[in-house]
Amino acid sequence: MPDRIVLTWTGDTTTTQTVTWRTSTDVSLAYCEIAEAEAGPQFPQRARRVNADTRA
């Protein structure tokens, strides 16, 4: 689990967003899941997984 999440914009703020987060150095595979919000509390089944670019 990340201990810090930051949302920023790069370039045109109407079409871009950048998400960065920090995790433990023990994490070897990082990804985020993006989904449109739905009415219920469960995470949507149609989430898109995006692999992260990891850096030390």
PDB file of N, CA and C in Angstrom:
ATOM      1  N   MET A   1       0.831  -1.174   0.000  1.00  0.00           N
ATOM      2  CA  MET A   1       0.000   0.000   0.000  1.00  0.00           C
ATOM      3  C   MET A   1       0.879   1.243   0.000  1.00  0.00           C
ATOM      4  N   PRO A   2       0.517   2.228  -0.791  1.00  0.00           N
ATOM      5  CA  PRO A   2       1.296   3.463  -0.794  1.00  0.00           C
ATOM      6  C   PRO A   2       1.099   4.250   0.499  1.00  0.00           C
ATOM      7  N   ASP A   3       2.144   4.978   0.879  1.00  0.00           N
ATOM      8  CA  ASP A   3       2.008   5.830   2.058  1.00  0.00           C
ATOM      9  C   ASP A   3       1.919   7.301   1.676  1.00  0.00           C
ATOM     10  N   ARG A   4       1.991   7.579   0.377  1.00  0.00           N
ATOM     11  CA  ARG A   4       1.851   8.954  -0.104  1.00  0.00           C
ATOM     12  C   ARG A   4       1.374   8.898  -1.545  1.00  0.00           C
ATOM     13  N   ILE A   5       0.306   9.613  -1.881  1.00  0.00           N
ATOM     14  CA  ILE A   5      -0.229   9.661  -3.242  1.00  0.00           C
ATOM     15  C   ILE A   5      -0.358  11.123  -3.633  1.00  0.00           C
ATOM     16  N   VAL A   6       0.140  11.477  -4.836  1.00  0.00           N
ATOM     17  CA  VAL A   6       0.106  12.862  -5.306  1.00  0.00           C
ATOM     18  C   VAL A   6      -0.498  12.899  -6.710  1.00  0.00           C
ATOM     19  N   LEU A   7      -1.465  13.788  -6.922  1.00  0.00           N
ATOM     20  CA  LEU A   7      -2.076  13.994  -8.230  1.00  0.00           C
ATOM     21  C   LEU A   7      -1.638  15.358  -8.744  1.00  0.00           C
ATOM     22  N   THR A   8      -1.049  15.386  -9.932  1.00  0.00           N
ATOM     23  CA  THR A   8      -0.611  16.644 -10.538  1.00  0.00           C
ATOM     24  C   THR A   8      -1.025  16.660 -12.004  1.00  0.00           C
ATOM     25  N   TRP A   9      -0.869  17.795 -12.634  1.00  0.00           N
ATOM     26  CA  TRP A   9      -1.187  17.934 -14.045  1.00  0.00           C
ATOM     27  C   TRP A   9       0.070  18.320 -14.794  1.00  0.00           C
ATOM     28  N   THR A  10       0.183  17.805 -16.015  1.00  0.00           N
ATOM     29  CA  THR A  10       1.320  18.148 -16.869  1.00  0.00           C
ATOM     30  C   THR A  10       0.767  18.650 -18.192  1.00  0.00           C
ATOM     31  N   GLY A  11       1.165  19.828 -18.594  1.00  0.00           N
ATOM     32  CA  GLY A  11       0.640  20.368 -19.845  1.00  0.00           C
ATOM     33  C   GLY A  11      -0.780  20.879 -19.667  1.00  0.00           C
ATOM     34  N   ASP A  12      -1.648  20.520 -20.599  1.00  0.00           N
ATOM     35  CA  ASP A  12      -3.036  20.974 -20.627  1.00  0.00           C
ATOM     36  C   ASP A  12      -3.817  20.341 -19.473  1.00  0.00           C
ATOM     37  N   THR A  13      -4.278  21.145 -18.547  1.00  0.00           N
ATOM     38  CA  THR A  13      -4.967  20.615 -17.363  1.00  0.00           C
ATOM     39  C   THR A  13      -6.336  20.021 -17.671  1.00  0.00           C
ATOM     40  N   THR A  14      -6.854  20.242 -18.864  1.00  0.00           N
ATOM     41  CA  THR A  14      -8.148  19.647 -19.218  1.00  0.00           C
ATOM     42  C   THR A  14      -8.004  18.236 -19.763  1.00  0.00           C
ATOM     43  N   THR A  15      -6.774  17.822 -20.096  1.00  0.00           N
ATOM     44  CA  THR A  15      -6.604  16.501 -20.723  1.00  0.00           C
ATOM     45  C   THR A  15      -5.512  15.640 -20.098  1.00  0.00           C
ATOM     46  N   THR A  16      -4.788  16.129 -19.101  1.00  0.00           N
ATOM     47  CA  THR A  16      -3.695  15.337 -18.526  1.00  0.00           C
ATOM     48  C   THR A  16      -3.789  15.273 -17.010  1.00  0.00           C
ATOM     49  N   GLN A  17      -3.331  14.165 -16.472  1.00  0.00           N
ATOM     50  CA  GLN A  17      -3.160  14.007 -15.031  1.00  0.00           C
ATOM     51  C   GLN A  17      -1.999  13.049 -14.815  1.00  0.00           C
ATOM     52  N   THR A  18      -1.219  13.295 -13.788  1.00  0.00           N
ATOM     53  CA  THR A  18      -0.121  12.413 -13.419  1.00  0.00           C
ATOM     54  C   THR A  18      -0.314  12.005 -11.968  1.00  0.00           C
ATOM     55  N   VAL A  19      -0.217  10.708 -11.720  1.00  0.00           N
ATOM     56  CA  VAL A  19      -0.354  10.189 -10.367  1.00  0.00           C
ATOM     57  C   VAL A  19       0.987   9.594  -9.963  1.00  0.00           C
ATOM     58  N   THR A  20       1.507  10.017  -8.822  1.00  0.00           N
ATOM     59  CA  THR A  20       2.729   9.419  -8.285  1.00  0.00           C
ATOM     60  C   THR A  20       2.437   8.938  -6.874  1.00  0.00           C
ATOM     61  N   TRP A  21       3.132   7.886  -6.478  1.00  0.00           N
ATOM     62  CA  TRP A  21       2.961   7.376  -5.123  1.00  0.00           C
ATOM     63  C   TRP A  21       4.246   6.752  -4.637  1.00  0.00           C
ATOM     64  N   ARG A  22       4.352   6.640  -3.336  1.00  0.00           N
ATOM     65  CA  ARG A  22       5.545   6.082  -2.700  1.00  0.00           C
ATOM     66  C   ARG A  22       5.131   4.843  -1.917  1.00  0.00           C
ATOM     67  N   THR A  23       5.939   3.792  -2.069  1.00  0.00           N
ATOM     68  CA  THR A  23       5.703   2.548  -1.334  1.00  0.00           C
ATOM     69  C   THR A  23       7.007   2.104  -0.683  1.00  0.00           C
ATOM     70  N   SER A  24       6.929   1.025   0.026  1.00  0.00           N
ATOM     71  CA  SER A  24       8.109   0.410   0.625  1.00  0.00           C
ATOM     72  C   SER A  24       9.048  -0.075  -0.478  1.00  0.00           C
ATOM     73  N   THR A  25      10.336  -0.131  -0.205  1.00  0.00           N
ATOM     74  CA  THR A  25      11.295  -0.662  -1.184  1.00  0.00           C
ATOM     75  C   THR A  25      11.115  -2.161  -1.381  1.00  0.00           C
ATOM     76  N   ASP A  26      10.325  -2.806  -0.536  1.00  0.00           N
ATOM     77  CA  ASP A  26      10.031  -4.232  -0.692  1.00  0.00           C
ATOM     78  C   ASP A  26       9.070  -4.505  -1.849  1.00  0.00           C
ATOM     79  N   VAL A  27       8.382  -3.484  -2.340  1.00  0.00           N
ATOM     80  CA  VAL A  27       7.425  -3.654  -3.435  1.00  0.00           C
ATOM     81  C   VAL A  27       8.197  -3.827  -4.737  1.00  0.00           C
ATOM     82  N   SER A  28       7.952  -4.948  -5.435  1.00  0.00           N
ATOM     83  CA  SER A  28       8.679  -5.211  -6.681  1.00  0.00           C
ATOM     84  C   SER A  28       7.806  -5.024  -7.919  1.00  0.00           C
ATOM     85  N   LEU A  29       6.495  -5.050  -7.773  1.00  0.00           N
ATOM     86  CA  LEU A  29       5.577  -4.874  -8.896  1.00  0.00           C
ATOM     87  C   LEU A  29       4.544  -3.828  -8.499  1.00  0.00           C
ATOM     88  N   ALA A  30       4.539  -2.714  -9.214  1.00  0.00           N
ATOM     89  CA  ALA A  30       3.614  -1.635  -8.874  1.00  0.00           C
ATOM     90  C   ALA A  30       2.666  -1.376 -10.036  1.00  0.00           C
ATOM     91  N   TYR A  31       1.417  -1.107  -9.705  1.00  0.00           N
ATOM     92  CA  TYR A  31       0.418  -0.774 -10.714  1.00  0.00           C
ATOM     93  C   TYR A  31      -0.703   0.019 -10.050  1.00  0.00           C
ATOM     94  N   CYS A  32      -1.496   0.670 -10.877  1.00  0.00           N
ATOM     95  CA  CYS A  32      -2.695   1.319 -10.367  1.00  0.00           C
ATOM     96  C   CYS A  32      -3.883   0.776 -11.143  1.00  0.00           C
ATOM     97  N   GLU A  33      -5.045   0.894 -10.565  1.00  0.00           N
ATOM     98  CA  GLU A  33      -6.274   0.493 -11.230  1.00  0.00           C
ATOM     99  C   GLU A  33      -7.161   1.722 -11.346  1.00  0.00           C
ATOM    100  N   ILE A  34      -7.621   1.984 -12.558  1.00  0.00           N
ATOM    101  CA  ILE A  34      -8.414   3.174 -12.847  1.00  0.00           C
ATOM    102  C   ILE A  34      -9.808   2.726 -13.269  1.00  0.00           C
ATOM    103  N   ALA A  35     -10.822   3.335 -12.675  1.00  0.00           N
ATOM    104  CA  ALA A  35     -12.194   2.982 -13.022  1.00  0.00           C
ATOM    105  C   ALA A  35     -13.105   4.181 -12.814  1.00  0.00           C
ATOM    106  N   GLU A  36     -14.153   4.215 -13.595  1.00  0.00           N
ATOM    107  CA  GLU A  36     -15.172   5.239 -13.416  1.00  0.00           C
ATOM    108  C   GLU A  36     -16.002   4.877 -12.185  1.00  0.00           C
ATOM    109  N   ALA A  37     -16.326   5.864 -11.389  1.00  0.00           N
ATOM    110  CA  ALA A  37     -17.100   5.616 -10.167  1.00  0.00           C
ATOM    111  C   ALA A  37     -18.483   5.079 -10.507  1.00  0.00           C
ATOM    112  N   GLU A  38     -18.958   4.155  -9.670  1.00  0.00           N
ATOM    113  CA  GLU A  38     -20.301   3.612  -9.805  1.00  0.00           C
ATOM    114  C   GLU A  38     -21.089   3.932  -8.542  1.00  0.00           C
ATOM    115  N   ALA A  39     -22.356   3.582  -8.511  1.00  0.00           N
ATOM    116  CA  ALA A  39     -23.231   3.950  -7.397  1.00  0.00           C
ATOM    117  C   ALA A  39     -22.908   3.220  -6.095  1.00  0.00           C
ATOM    118  N   GLY A  40     -22.415   1.994  -6.164  1.00  0.00           N
ATOM    119  CA  GLY A  40     -22.177   1.204  -4.960  1.00  0.00           C
ATOM    120  C   GLY A  40     -20.784   1.385  -4.396  1.00  0.00           C
ATOM    121  N   PRO A  41     -20.530   0.802  -3.219  1.00  0.00           N
ATOM    122  CA  PRO A  41     -19.236   0.949  -2.558  1.00  0.00           C
ATOM    123  C   PRO A  41     -18.143   0.015  -3.093  1.00  0.00           C
ATOM    124  N   GLN A  42     -18.510  -1.001  -3.865  1.00  0.00           N
ATOM    125  CA  GLN A  42     -17.518  -1.938  -4.371  1.00  0.00           C
ATOM    126  C   GLN A  42     -16.698  -1.294  -5.491  1.00  0.00           C
ATOM    127  N   PHE A  43     -15.450  -1.782  -5.617  1.00  0.00           N
ATOM    128  CA  PHE A  43     -14.616  -1.289  -6.708  1.00  0.00           C
ATOM    129  C   PHE A  43     -15.173  -1.842  -8.012  1.00  0.00           C
ATOM    130  N   PRO A  44     -15.319  -1.020  -9.047  1.00  0.00           N
ATOM    131  CA  PRO A  44     -15.918  -1.459 -10.310  1.00  0.00           C
ATOM    132  C   PRO A  44     -15.187  -2.649 -10.935  1.00  0.00           C
ATOM    133  N   GLN A  45     -15.948  -3.532 -11.542  1.00  0.00           N
ATOM    134  CA  GLN A  45     -15.390  -4.714 -12.193  1.00  0.00           C
ATOM    135  C   GLN A  45     -14.654  -4.365 -13.483  1.00  0.00           C
ATOM    136  N   ARG A  46     -14.944  -3.217 -14.063  1.00  0.00           N
ATOM    137  CA  ARG A  46     -14.323  -2.849 -15.338  1.00  0.00           C
ATOM    138  C   ARG A  46     -13.124  -1.923 -15.151  1.00  0.00           C
ATOM    139  N   ALA A  47     -12.391  -2.122 -14.104  1.00  0.00           N
ATOM    140  CA  ALA A  47     -11.210  -1.292 -13.846  1.00  0.00           C
ATOM    141  C   ALA A  47     -10.113  -1.616 -14.853  1.00  0.00           C
ATOM    142  N   ARG A  48      -9.342  -0.609 -15.197  1.00  0.00           N
ATOM    143  CA  ARG A  48      -8.207  -0.788 -16.104  1.00  0.00           C
ATOM    144  C   ARG A  48      -6.931  -0.757 -15.274  1.00  0.00           C
ATOM    145  N   ARG A  49      -6.083  -1.759 -15.436  1.00  0.00           N
ATOM    146  CA  ARG A  49      -4.822  -1.829 -14.696  1.00  0.00           C
ATOM    147  C   ARG A  49      -3.708  -1.218 -15.546  1.00  0.00           C
ATOM    148  N   VAL A  50      -2.922  -0.352 -14.915  1.00  0.00           N
ATOM    149  CA  VAL A  50      -1.804   0.309 -15.590  1.00  0.00           C
ATOM    150  C   VAL A  50      -0.545   0.022 -14.784  1.00  0.00           C
ATOM    151  N   ASN A  51       0.448  -0.576 -15.425  1.00  0.00           N
ATOM    152  CA  ASN A  51       1.716  -0.854 -14.745  1.00  0.00           C
ATOM    153  C   ASN A  51       2.458   0.446 -14.476  1.00  0.00           C
ATOM    154  N   ALA A  52       3.109   0.502 -13.342  1.00  0.00           N
ATOM    155  CA  ALA A  52       3.829   1.707 -12.940  1.00  0.00           C
ATOM    156  C   ALA A  52       5.278   1.659 -13.406  1.00  0.00           C
ATOM    157  N   ASP A  53       5.848   2.830 -13.554  1.00  0.00           N
ATOM    158  CA  ASP A  53       7.275   2.992 -13.823  1.00  0.00           C
ATOM    159  C   ASP A  53       7.930   3.150 -12.459  1.00  0.00           C
ATOM    160  N   THR A  54       8.671   2.148 -12.015  1.00  0.00           N
ATOM    161  CA  THR A  54       9.243   2.193 -10.669  1.00  0.00           C
ATOM    162  C   THR A  54      10.650   2.762 -10.684  1.00  0.00           C
ATOM    163  N   ARG A  55      10.949   3.516  -9.643  1.00  0.00           N
ATOM    164  CA  ARG A  55      12.279   4.126  -9.488  1.00  0.00           C
ATOM    165  C   ARG A  55      12.689   4.045  -8.036  1.00  0.00           C
ATOM    166  N   ALA A  56      13.968   3.886  -7.825  1.00  0.00           N
ATOM    167  CA  ALA A  56      14.486   3.815  -6.445  1.00  0.00           C
ATOM    168  C   ALA A  56      14.869   5.189  -5.954  1.00  0.00           C
TER     169      ALA A  56
END
